[in-house]
Amino acid sequence: MSFGILAMISPPAAQMVSYEVPLALSALAVVLMAGSLNLNAIVEAQARSVWFVIPQALGFVIFLIAALAELNRTPFDLTEAESELVAGYLTEYSGVRFAFFMLGEYVYLFAMGALIATLYFGGWLPPHPALAFVPGIVWFLIKALFFAVLPFWLQATFPRARVDQLMGLAWKGLIPLAMVNLVLTAALKTWL
């Protein structure tokens, strides 16, 4: 294997691994608060108290940043490098293959929005009990679509970062903060 191929593979692989850890730790803090891995039980736990974005504000910010890094959107788009190439590695594909790459990217984008809406914003719950006449699916779609569209706004707002900045953010910033958030959540859950 040539060094060029290794150089091409290693930064995106390191980025994916680096941002999976804070993503999982932030989700684990929500699981601790809800007492279940079941997404329905997590939403029901939010119905009994407050949406988890309030007590888990730090975890939400960490989860959102890590999710954006997983989506390979600006400023985390090391693999595509659209500022240097027209469509990054996708310039080699056309037709059905290109369509499947783009479909996969947008399905993942909506899935992340749906997961954020479920874990932190009450899923299908209305923001106020007086708005309970609106069907739950409408609330869920509004929340999920907001977080699915948010990366496009961020893409137009932030510049592309370097590899060392992205790795430093993950290992020196997000992972320690996610661990602190998890320990605080466990301590509060144990003693309160």
N, C-alpha and C. Protein backbone atom coordinates (compact mmCIF):
# COMPACT_ATOMS: atom_id res chain seq x y z
N MET A 1 0.85 -1.17 0.00
CA MET A 1 0.00 0.00 0.00
C MET A 1 0.90 1.24 0.00
N SER A 2 0.56 2.20 -0.83
CA SER A 2 1.40 3.39 -0.93
C SER A 2 1.10 4.38 0.19
N PHE A 3 2.05 5.29 0.40
CA PHE A 3 1.87 6.30 1.44
C PHE A 3 0.75 7.28 1.09
N GLY A 4 0.52 7.49 -0.19
CA GLY A 4 -0.58 8.36 -0.61
C GLY A 4 -1.93 7.83 -0.18
N ILE A 5 -2.11 6.52 -0.34
CA ILE A 5 -3.37 5.91 0.07
C ILE A 5 -3.52 5.97 1.59
N LEU A 6 -2.43 5.69 2.30
CA LEU A 6 -2.48 5.78 3.76
C LEU A 6 -2.79 7.19 4.23
N ALA A 7 -2.20 8.17 3.58
CA ALA A 7 -2.46 9.57 3.95
C ALA A 7 -3.90 9.96 3.65
N MET A 8 -4.47 9.36 2.60
CA MET A 8 -5.85 9.66 2.24
C MET A 8 -6.83 9.02 3.23
N ILE A 9 -6.50 7.82 3.71
CA ILE A 9 -7.41 7.09 4.58
C ILE A 9 -7.31 7.52 6.04
N SER A 10 -6.12 7.80 6.52
CA SER A 10 -5.94 7.97 7.96
C SER A 10 -6.64 9.18 8.58
N PRO A 11 -6.59 10.40 8.01
CA PRO A 11 -7.30 11.50 8.70
C PRO A 11 -8.81 11.29 8.81
N PRO A 12 -9.51 10.87 7.74
CA PRO A 12 -10.95 10.65 7.91
C PRO A 12 -11.27 9.52 8.90
N ALA A 13 -10.46 8.46 8.89
CA ALA A 13 -10.69 7.36 9.83
C ALA A 13 -10.45 7.83 11.25
N ALA A 14 -9.40 8.60 11.46
CA ALA A 14 -9.11 9.13 12.79
C ALA A 14 -10.22 10.08 13.24
N GLN A 15 -10.75 10.85 12.32
CA GLN A 15 -11.85 11.76 12.66
C GLN A 15 -13.08 10.98 13.09
N MET A 16 -13.43 9.95 12.35
CA MET A 16 -14.62 9.17 12.69
C MET A 16 -14.48 8.52 14.07
N VAL A 17 -13.31 7.93 14.34
CA VAL A 17 -13.09 7.27 15.63
C VAL A 17 -13.07 8.30 16.75
N SER A 18 -12.43 9.43 16.52
CA SER A 18 -12.30 10.45 17.57
C SER A 18 -13.64 11.03 17.98
N TYR A 19 -14.54 11.20 17.07
CA TYR A 19 -15.81 11.83 17.40
C TYR A 19 -16.90 10.83 17.79
N GLU A 20 -16.66 9.53 17.60
CA GLU A 20 -17.61 8.53 18.08
C GLU A 20 -17.63 8.49 19.60
N VAL A 21 -16.46 8.70 20.22
CA VAL A 21 -16.35 8.59 21.68
C VAL A 21 -17.19 9.66 22.38
N PRO A 22 -17.03 10.97 22.08
CA PRO A 22 -17.88 11.94 22.77
C PRO A 22 -19.36 11.80 22.41
N LEU A 23 -19.65 11.35 21.19
CA LEU A 23 -21.04 11.11 20.79
C LEU A 23 -21.66 10.04 21.69
N ALA A 24 -20.95 8.94 21.88
CA ALA A 24 -21.46 7.85 22.70
C ALA A 24 -21.54 8.25 24.18
N LEU A 25 -20.54 8.97 24.68
CA LEU A 25 -20.56 9.38 26.09
C LEU A 25 -21.72 10.34 26.37
N SER A 26 -22.01 11.22 25.44
CA SER A 26 -23.13 12.15 25.62
C SER A 26 -24.46 11.41 25.60
N ALA A 27 -24.59 10.45 24.70
CA ALA A 27 -25.82 9.65 24.65
C ALA A 27 -25.95 8.79 25.91
N LEU A 28 -24.83 8.32 26.44
CA LEU A 28 -24.85 7.51 27.65
C LEU A 28 -25.34 8.31 28.86
N ALA A 29 -25.01 9.60 28.91
CA ALA A 29 -25.51 10.46 29.99
C ALA A 29 -27.03 10.57 29.93
N VAL A 30 -27.59 10.65 28.73
CA VAL A 30 -29.05 10.69 28.58
C VAL A 30 -29.65 9.36 29.02
N VAL A 31 -29.00 8.26 28.67
CA VAL A 31 -29.48 6.94 29.08
C VAL A 31 -29.48 6.83 30.60
N LEU A 32 -28.45 7.37 31.25
CA LEU A 32 -28.41 7.36 32.72
C LEU A 32 -29.58 8.15 33.31
N MET A 33 -29.88 9.28 32.72
CA MET A 33 -30.99 10.10 33.23
C MET A 33 -32.33 9.39 33.05
N ALA A 34 -32.51 8.74 31.92
CA ALA A 34 -33.79 8.07 31.64
C ALA A 34 -33.88 6.71 32.31
N GLY A 35 -32.74 6.07 32.54
CA GLY A 35 -32.75 4.75 33.14
C GLY A 35 -33.07 3.64 32.17
N SER A 36 -32.95 3.92 30.87
CA SER A 36 -33.29 2.93 29.86
C SER A 36 -32.59 3.25 28.54
N LEU A 37 -32.34 2.21 27.76
CA LEU A 37 -31.81 2.39 26.41
C LEU A 37 -32.92 2.52 25.37
N ASN A 38 -34.14 2.23 25.77
CA ASN A 38 -35.28 2.28 24.88
C ASN A 38 -35.62 3.74 24.56
N LEU A 39 -35.72 4.08 23.29
CA LEU A 39 -36.01 5.46 22.90
C LEU A 39 -37.39 5.91 23.37
N ASN A 40 -38.37 5.00 23.38
CA ASN A 40 -39.70 5.35 23.91
C ASN A 40 -39.61 5.70 25.39
N ALA A 41 -38.84 4.92 26.14
CA ALA A 41 -38.69 5.19 27.57
C ALA A 41 -37.95 6.50 27.82
N ILE A 42 -37.02 6.85 26.94
CA ILE A 42 -36.31 8.13 27.07
C ILE A 42 -37.28 9.29 26.87
N VAL A 43 -38.15 9.19 25.88
CA VAL A 43 -39.14 10.24 25.65
C VAL A 43 -40.13 10.29 26.81
N GLU A 44 -40.56 9.13 27.31
CA GLU A 44 -41.49 9.11 28.45
C GLU A 44 -40.85 9.71 29.70
N ALA A 45 -39.55 9.50 29.90
CA ALA A 45 -38.85 10.12 31.03
C ALA A 45 -38.84 11.64 30.89
N GLN A 46 -38.74 12.13 29.67
CA GLN A 46 -38.79 13.57 29.45
C GLN A 46 -40.20 14.11 29.66
N ALA A 47 -41.21 13.29 29.43
CA ALA A 47 -42.60 13.71 29.67
C ALA A 47 -42.86 13.87 31.17
N ARG A 48 -42.18 13.06 32.00
CA ARG A 48 -42.37 13.14 33.45
C ARG A 48 -41.64 14.31 34.09
N SER A 49 -40.59 14.81 33.44
CA SER A 49 -39.84 15.92 34.04
C SER A 49 -39.70 17.05 33.01
N VAL A 50 -38.49 17.34 32.60
CA VAL A 50 -38.23 18.37 31.58
C VAL A 50 -37.49 17.71 30.43
N TRP A 51 -37.47 18.38 29.29
CA TRP A 51 -36.67 17.87 28.19
C TRP A 51 -35.22 17.82 28.63
N PHE A 52 -34.52 16.80 28.19
CA PHE A 52 -33.15 16.58 28.65
C PHE A 52 -32.16 17.62 28.15
N VAL A 53 -32.57 18.50 27.25
CA VAL A 53 -31.67 19.56 26.80
C VAL A 53 -31.38 20.54 27.94
N ILE A 54 -32.28 20.64 28.91
CA ILE A 54 -32.07 21.57 30.03
C ILE A 54 -31.05 21.02 31.02
N PRO A 55 -31.25 19.82 31.60
CA PRO A 55 -30.22 19.33 32.52
C PRO A 55 -28.97 18.82 31.81
N GLN A 56 -29.08 18.52 30.53
CA GLN A 56 -27.95 17.99 29.77
C GLN A 56 -27.50 18.97 28.69
N ALA A 57 -27.44 20.25 29.02
CA ALA A 57 -27.06 21.26 28.02
C ALA A 57 -25.65 21.01 27.50
N LEU A 58 -24.73 20.69 28.41
CA LEU A 58 -23.35 20.40 27.98
C LEU A 58 -23.32 19.16 27.10
N GLY A 59 -24.03 18.12 27.51
CA GLY A 59 -24.09 16.90 26.71
C GLY A 59 -24.70 17.14 25.34
N PHE A 60 -25.71 18.01 25.28
CA PHE A 60 -26.33 18.34 24.00
C PHE A 60 -25.34 19.03 23.06
N VAL A 61 -24.60 20.01 23.57
CA VAL A 61 -23.62 20.72 22.74
C VAL A 61 -22.55 19.75 22.25
N ILE A 62 -22.07 18.88 23.14
CA ILE A 62 -21.06 17.89 22.75
C ILE A 62 -21.63 16.95 21.70
N PHE A 63 -22.85 16.47 21.91
CA PHE A 63 -23.48 15.56 20.96
C PHE A 63 -23.66 16.22 19.60
N LEU A 64 -24.09 17.48 19.60
CA LEU A 64 -24.31 18.20 18.35
C LEU A 64 -23.00 18.39 17.58
N ILE A 65 -21.94 18.80 18.26
CA ILE A 65 -20.65 18.98 17.59
C ILE A 65 -20.13 17.65 17.06
N ALA A 66 -20.21 16.60 17.87
CA ALA A 66 -19.74 15.28 17.43
C ALA A 66 -20.59 14.75 16.27
N ALA A 67 -21.89 15.00 16.30
CA ALA A 67 -22.75 14.56 15.20
C ALA A 67 -22.39 15.28 13.91
N LEU A 68 -22.11 16.58 14.00
CA LEU A 68 -21.69 17.33 12.81
C LEU A 68 -20.37 16.78 12.26
N ALA A 69 -19.47 16.40 13.16
CA ALA A 69 -18.20 15.82 12.71
C ALA A 69 -18.43 14.47 12.04
N GLU A 70 -19.36 13.70 12.57
CA GLU A 70 -19.67 12.41 11.96
C GLU A 70 -20.32 12.57 10.59
N LEU A 71 -21.04 13.65 10.40
CA LEU A 71 -21.71 13.91 9.12
C LEU A 71 -20.75 14.41 8.05
N ASN A 72 -19.52 14.75 8.43
CA ASN A 72 -18.52 15.29 7.50
C ASN A 72 -18.99 16.57 6.82
N ARG A 73 -19.62 17.42 7.60
CA ARG A 73 -20.03 18.74 7.11
C ARG A 73 -19.03 19.78 7.56
N THR A 74 -18.97 20.90 6.84
CA THR A 74 -18.08 21.99 7.22
C THR A 74 -18.40 22.40 8.65
N PRO A 75 -17.44 22.59 9.49
CA PRO A 75 -15.99 22.66 9.30
C PRO A 75 -15.27 21.33 9.43
N PHE A 76 -16.01 20.22 9.45
CA PHE A 76 -15.42 18.90 9.67
C PHE A 76 -15.28 18.08 8.39
N ASP A 77 -15.25 18.69 7.24
CA ASP A 77 -15.30 17.96 5.96
C ASP A 77 -13.91 17.61 5.43
N LEU A 78 -13.14 16.87 6.21
CA LEU A 78 -11.80 16.48 5.76
C LEU A 78 -11.85 15.54 4.57
N THR A 79 -12.82 14.65 4.53
CA THR A 79 -12.86 13.65 3.46
C THR A 79 -13.27 14.25 2.13
N GLU A 80 -14.14 15.24 2.15
CA GLU A 80 -14.63 15.80 0.89
C GLU A 80 -13.74 16.90 0.35
N ALA A 81 -13.29 17.78 1.21
CA ALA A 81 -12.44 18.90 0.81
C ALA A 81 -13.04 19.67 -0.36
N GLU A 82 -14.31 20.03 -0.22
CA GLU A 82 -14.99 20.71 -1.32
C GLU A 82 -14.37 22.06 -1.66
N SER A 83 -13.64 22.65 -0.72
CA SER A 83 -12.98 23.92 -1.03
C SER A 83 -11.78 23.72 -1.94
N GLU A 84 -11.28 22.48 -2.01
CA GLU A 84 -10.14 22.19 -2.88
C GLU A 84 -10.55 21.47 -4.15
N LEU A 85 -11.57 20.66 -4.07
CA LEU A 85 -12.09 19.92 -5.22
C LEU A 85 -13.57 20.27 -5.38
N VAL A 86 -14.09 19.99 -6.54
CA VAL A 86 -15.49 20.34 -6.80
C VAL A 86 -16.43 19.61 -5.84
N ALA A 87 -16.33 18.32 -5.72
CA ALA A 87 -17.20 17.56 -4.83
C ALA A 87 -16.41 16.58 -3.98
N GLY A 88 -15.12 16.83 -3.79
CA GLY A 88 -14.30 15.94 -3.00
C GLY A 88 -14.13 14.60 -3.69
N TYR A 89 -14.18 13.53 -2.91
CA TYR A 89 -14.00 12.19 -3.47
C TYR A 89 -15.16 11.79 -4.37
N LEU A 90 -16.27 12.50 -4.33
CA LEU A 90 -17.43 12.16 -5.15
C LEU A 90 -17.24 12.52 -6.62
N THR A 91 -16.16 13.22 -6.97
CA THR A 91 -15.93 13.54 -8.38
C THR A 91 -15.68 12.29 -9.22
N GLU A 92 -15.31 11.20 -8.56
CA GLU A 92 -15.03 9.95 -9.27
C GLU A 92 -16.30 9.16 -9.58
N TYR A 93 -17.42 9.57 -9.04
CA TYR A 93 -18.65 8.81 -9.19
C TYR A 93 -19.69 9.60 -9.98
N SER A 94 -20.56 8.86 -10.67
CA SER A 94 -21.67 9.48 -11.38
C SER A 94 -22.83 8.49 -11.41
N GLY A 95 -23.96 8.97 -11.81
CA GLY A 95 -25.12 8.10 -11.95
C GLY A 95 -25.62 7.56 -10.63
N VAL A 96 -25.88 6.25 -10.63
CA VAL A 96 -26.48 5.59 -9.48
C VAL A 96 -25.54 5.60 -8.28
N ARG A 97 -24.26 5.39 -8.51
CA ARG A 97 -23.31 5.39 -7.39
C ARG A 97 -23.29 6.74 -6.69
N PHE A 98 -23.25 7.81 -7.45
CA PHE A 98 -23.27 9.15 -6.87
C PHE A 98 -24.58 9.38 -6.12
N ALA A 99 -25.68 8.92 -6.71
CA ALA A 99 -26.99 9.09 -6.06
C ALA A 99 -27.05 8.34 -4.73
N PHE A 100 -26.47 7.14 -4.69
CA PHE A 100 -26.48 6.39 -3.43
C PHE A 100 -25.59 7.04 -2.37
N PHE A 101 -24.46 7.59 -2.76
CA PHE A 101 -23.63 8.33 -1.80
C PHE A 101 -24.40 9.51 -1.21
N MET A 102 -25.04 10.27 -2.08
CA MET A 102 -25.79 11.43 -1.61
C MET A 102 -27.01 11.02 -0.78
N LEU A 103 -27.70 9.96 -1.20
CA LEU A 103 -28.84 9.46 -0.44
C LEU A 103 -28.41 9.03 0.96
N GLY A 104 -27.31 8.30 1.03
CA GLY A 104 -26.79 7.86 2.33
C GLY A 104 -26.44 9.03 3.22
N GLU A 105 -25.85 10.06 2.64
CA GLU A 105 -25.47 11.24 3.42
C GLU A 105 -26.70 11.96 3.98
N TYR A 106 -27.74 12.11 3.17
CA TYR A 106 -28.92 12.82 3.62
C TYR A 106 -29.79 11.98 4.56
N VAL A 107 -29.81 10.67 4.38
CA VAL A 107 -30.51 9.80 5.33
C VAL A 107 -29.82 9.88 6.69
N TYR A 108 -28.50 9.86 6.70
CA TYR A 108 -27.74 9.97 7.95
C TYR A 108 -27.98 11.33 8.60
N LEU A 109 -28.09 12.36 7.79
CA LEU A 109 -28.36 13.71 8.29
C LEU A 109 -29.72 13.76 9.00
N PHE A 110 -30.75 13.20 8.37
CA PHE A 110 -32.08 13.18 9.00
C PHE A 110 -32.10 12.26 10.21
N ALA A 111 -31.39 11.13 10.15
CA ALA A 111 -31.36 10.21 11.29
C ALA A 111 -30.71 10.88 12.50
N MET A 112 -29.65 11.65 12.28
CA MET A 112 -29.02 12.37 13.39
C MET A 112 -29.98 13.42 13.95
N GLY A 113 -30.70 14.12 13.07
CA GLY A 113 -31.69 15.09 13.54
C GLY A 113 -32.78 14.42 14.36
N ALA A 114 -33.22 13.26 13.92
CA ALA A 114 -34.25 12.52 14.65
C ALA A 114 -33.73 12.04 16.00
N LEU A 115 -32.48 11.62 16.04
CA LEU A 115 -31.89 11.16 17.30
C LEU A 115 -31.73 12.31 18.28
N ILE A 116 -31.30 13.47 17.80
CA ILE A 116 -31.18 14.65 18.67
C ILE A 116 -32.56 15.05 19.19
N ALA A 117 -33.56 15.05 18.32
CA ALA A 117 -34.92 15.39 18.75
C ALA A 117 -35.43 14.42 19.80
N THR A 118 -35.10 13.15 19.66
CA THR A 118 -35.57 12.14 20.61
C THR A 118 -34.83 12.20 21.93
N LEU A 119 -33.51 12.31 21.88
CA LEU A 119 -32.72 12.27 23.11
C LEU A 119 -32.82 13.54 23.94
N TYR A 120 -32.90 14.69 23.28
CA TYR A 120 -32.77 15.95 24.02
C TYR A 120 -34.02 16.84 23.98
N PHE A 121 -34.90 16.67 23.01
CA PHE A 121 -36.02 17.59 22.85
C PHE A 121 -37.38 16.91 22.95
N GLY A 122 -37.45 15.80 23.65
CA GLY A 122 -38.75 15.20 23.94
C GLY A 122 -39.41 14.44 22.81
N GLY A 123 -38.69 14.16 21.74
CA GLY A 123 -39.26 13.39 20.64
C GLY A 123 -40.54 13.98 20.11
N TRP A 124 -41.64 13.29 20.31
CA TRP A 124 -42.94 13.72 19.78
C TRP A 124 -43.73 14.58 20.77
N LEU A 125 -43.14 14.91 21.91
CA LEU A 125 -43.86 15.71 22.91
C LEU A 125 -43.95 17.17 22.48
N PRO A 126 -45.09 17.81 22.74
CA PRO A 126 -45.20 19.25 22.41
C PRO A 126 -44.39 20.09 23.40
N PRO A 127 -43.98 21.30 23.00
CA PRO A 127 -43.21 22.14 23.92
C PRO A 127 -44.02 22.64 25.11
N HIS A 128 -45.33 22.66 24.98
CA HIS A 128 -46.21 23.09 26.07
C HIS A 128 -47.46 22.22 26.04
N PRO A 129 -47.99 21.83 27.21
CA PRO A 129 -49.20 20.97 27.21
C PRO A 129 -50.39 21.57 26.47
N ALA A 130 -50.46 22.89 26.36
CA ALA A 130 -51.58 23.51 25.64
C ALA A 130 -51.54 23.21 24.15
N LEU A 131 -50.37 22.79 23.66
CA LEU A 131 -50.22 22.48 22.23
C LEU A 131 -50.37 20.99 21.95
N ALA A 132 -50.96 20.25 22.88
CA ALA A 132 -51.10 18.80 22.72
C ALA A 132 -52.08 18.41 21.62
N PHE A 133 -52.88 19.35 21.13
CA PHE A 133 -53.83 19.04 20.05
C PHE A 133 -53.12 18.77 18.73
N VAL A 134 -51.88 19.26 18.58
CA VAL A 134 -51.10 18.99 17.37
C VAL A 134 -50.55 17.57 17.47
N PRO A 135 -50.70 16.75 16.43
CA PRO A 135 -50.22 15.37 16.50
C PRO A 135 -48.72 15.29 16.80
N GLY A 136 -48.35 14.24 17.52
CA GLY A 136 -46.96 14.05 17.92
C GLY A 136 -46.00 13.93 16.75
N ILE A 137 -46.45 13.33 15.65
CA ILE A 137 -45.57 13.18 14.49
C ILE A 137 -45.19 14.53 13.92
N VAL A 138 -46.09 15.51 14.01
CA VAL A 138 -45.79 16.86 13.51
C VAL A 138 -44.68 17.48 14.35
N TRP A 139 -44.79 17.35 15.70
CA TRP A 139 -43.74 17.90 16.57
C TRP A 139 -42.41 17.22 16.31
N PHE A 140 -42.45 15.89 16.16
CA PHE A 140 -41.22 15.16 15.91
C PHE A 140 -40.56 15.59 14.60
N LEU A 141 -41.35 15.71 13.54
CA LEU A 141 -40.80 16.12 12.25
C LEU A 141 -40.26 17.55 12.28
N ILE A 142 -40.93 18.45 12.98
CA ILE A 142 -40.43 19.83 13.09
C ILE A 142 -39.07 19.84 13.77
N LYS A 143 -38.95 19.12 14.88
CA LYS A 143 -37.69 19.08 15.62
C LYS A 143 -36.59 18.40 14.80
N ALA A 144 -36.91 17.25 14.21
CA ALA A 144 -35.91 16.51 13.43
C ALA A 144 -35.46 17.29 12.21
N LEU A 145 -36.40 17.93 11.52
CA LEU A 145 -36.03 18.71 10.33
C LEU A 145 -35.21 19.94 10.69
N PHE A 146 -35.48 20.55 11.84
CA PHE A 146 -34.66 21.68 12.27
C PHE A 146 -33.20 21.25 12.42
N PHE A 147 -32.97 20.11 13.07
CA PHE A 147 -31.60 19.66 13.27
C PHE A 147 -31.01 19.02 12.02
N ALA A 148 -31.85 18.66 11.05
CA ALA A 148 -31.34 18.18 9.77
C ALA A 148 -30.93 19.35 8.88
N VAL A 149 -31.57 20.50 9.05
CA VAL A 149 -31.25 21.69 8.24
C VAL A 149 -30.12 22.51 8.87
N LEU A 150 -29.95 22.41 10.18
CA LEU A 150 -28.91 23.16 10.88
C LEU A 150 -27.51 23.01 10.28
N PRO A 151 -27.07 21.81 9.87
CA PRO A 151 -25.73 21.70 9.26
C PRO A 151 -25.55 22.53 8.00
N PHE A 152 -26.61 22.78 7.25
CA PHE A 152 -26.48 23.60 6.04
C PHE A 152 -26.20 25.05 6.41
N TRP A 153 -26.84 25.54 7.47
CA TRP A 153 -26.56 26.90 7.94
C TRP A 153 -25.13 26.98 8.47
N LEU A 154 -24.71 25.98 9.23
CA LEU A 154 -23.35 25.98 9.77
C LEU A 154 -22.31 25.88 8.65
N GLN A 155 -22.63 25.14 7.61
CA GLN A 155 -21.72 24.99 6.47
C GLN A 155 -21.47 26.33 5.80
N ALA A 156 -22.48 27.18 5.77
CA ALA A 156 -22.33 28.49 5.15
C ALA A 156 -21.72 29.51 6.10
N THR A 157 -21.61 29.16 7.38
CA THR A 157 -21.15 30.11 8.39
C THR A 157 -19.69 29.92 8.78
N PHE A 158 -19.26 28.67 8.93
CA PHE A 158 -17.94 28.40 9.48
C PHE A 158 -16.94 28.01 8.40
N PRO A 159 -15.67 28.39 8.58
CA PRO A 159 -14.63 27.95 7.64
C PRO A 159 -14.21 26.52 7.93
N ARG A 160 -13.52 25.93 6.99
CA ARG A 160 -13.02 24.57 7.14
C ARG A 160 -11.83 24.57 8.08
N ALA A 161 -11.77 23.60 8.97
CA ALA A 161 -10.68 23.49 9.94
C ALA A 161 -9.62 22.52 9.44
N ARG A 162 -8.43 22.62 10.04
CA ARG A 162 -7.33 21.71 9.71
C ARG A 162 -7.47 20.42 10.52
N VAL A 163 -6.71 19.40 10.10
CA VAL A 163 -6.77 18.10 10.76
C VAL A 163 -6.36 18.22 12.22
N ASP A 164 -5.27 18.94 12.50
CA ASP A 164 -4.80 19.04 13.89
C ASP A 164 -5.81 19.78 14.77
N GLN A 165 -6.52 20.75 14.21
CA GLN A 165 -7.54 21.45 14.98
C GLN A 165 -8.72 20.53 15.31
N LEU A 166 -9.10 19.71 14.35
CA LEU A 166 -10.22 18.79 14.58
C LEU A 166 -9.88 17.71 15.59
N MET A 167 -8.68 17.16 15.48
CA MET A 167 -8.27 16.13 16.44
C MET A 167 -8.08 16.73 17.83
N GLY A 168 -7.54 17.94 17.89
CA GLY A 168 -7.38 18.61 19.18
C GLY A 168 -8.72 18.90 19.83
N LEU A 169 -9.69 19.32 19.03
CA LEU A 169 -11.03 19.57 19.56
C LEU A 169 -11.63 18.30 20.16
N ALA A 170 -11.45 17.19 19.46
CA ALA A 170 -12.02 15.93 19.94
C ALA A 170 -11.32 15.45 21.21
N TRP A 171 -9.99 15.33 21.15
CA TRP A 171 -9.25 14.69 22.24
C TRP A 171 -8.98 15.62 23.42
N LYS A 172 -8.83 16.90 23.18
CA LYS A 172 -8.53 17.84 24.27
C LYS A 172 -9.76 18.57 24.77
N GLY A 173 -10.81 18.60 23.98
CA GLY A 173 -12.00 19.35 24.36
C GLY A 173 -13.21 18.48 24.61
N LEU A 174 -13.70 17.81 23.57
CA LEU A 174 -14.99 17.12 23.67
C LEU A 174 -14.95 15.88 24.54
N ILE A 175 -13.91 15.06 24.40
CA ILE A 175 -13.86 13.82 25.20
C ILE A 175 -13.74 14.12 26.69
N PRO A 176 -12.82 15.00 27.13
CA PRO A 176 -12.81 15.32 28.57
C PRO A 176 -14.12 15.93 29.07
N LEU A 177 -14.71 16.84 28.29
CA LEU A 177 -15.99 17.43 28.70
C LEU A 177 -17.10 16.38 28.76
N ALA A 178 -17.10 15.45 27.81
CA ALA A 178 -18.12 14.39 27.82
C ALA A 178 -17.95 13.48 29.03
N MET A 179 -16.69 13.22 29.41
CA MET A 179 -16.45 12.40 30.61
C MET A 179 -16.91 13.13 31.87
N VAL A 180 -16.61 14.42 31.96
CA VAL A 180 -17.07 15.22 33.11
C VAL A 180 -18.59 15.23 33.16
N ASN A 181 -19.23 15.41 32.02
CA ASN A 181 -20.69 15.41 31.95
C ASN A 181 -21.26 14.07 32.42
N LEU A 182 -20.64 12.99 32.00
CA LEU A 182 -21.11 11.66 32.38
C LEU A 182 -20.95 11.42 33.88
N VAL A 183 -19.81 11.82 34.43
CA VAL A 183 -19.56 11.64 35.87
C VAL A 183 -20.54 12.50 36.68
N LEU A 184 -20.75 13.75 36.27
CA LEU A 184 -21.70 14.62 36.97
C LEU A 184 -23.12 14.07 36.90
N THR A 185 -23.49 13.56 35.74
CA THR A 185 -24.83 12.98 35.59
C THR A 185 -25.00 11.77 36.49
N ALA A 186 -23.98 10.90 36.53
CA ALA A 186 -24.05 9.71 37.39
C ALA A 186 -24.11 10.11 38.86
N ALA A 187 -23.32 11.12 39.25
CA ALA A 187 -23.32 11.57 40.64
C ALA A 187 -24.67 12.18 41.02
N LEU A 188 -25.20 13.03 40.16
CA LEU A 188 -26.50 13.64 40.45
C LEU A 188 -27.62 12.61 40.47
N LYS A 189 -27.54 11.64 39.58
CA LYS A 189 -28.57 10.59 39.53
C LYS A 189 -28.49 9.72 40.78
N THR A 190 -27.27 9.51 41.30
CA THR A 190 -27.09 8.67 42.47
C THR A 190 -27.54 9.37 43.75
N TRP A 191 -27.20 10.65 43.88
CA TRP A 191 -27.43 11.35 45.14
C TRP A 191 -28.70 12.19 45.18
N LEU A 192 -29.38 12.34 44.08
CA LEU A 192 -30.63 13.12 44.10
C LEU A 192 -31.85 12.25 43.88
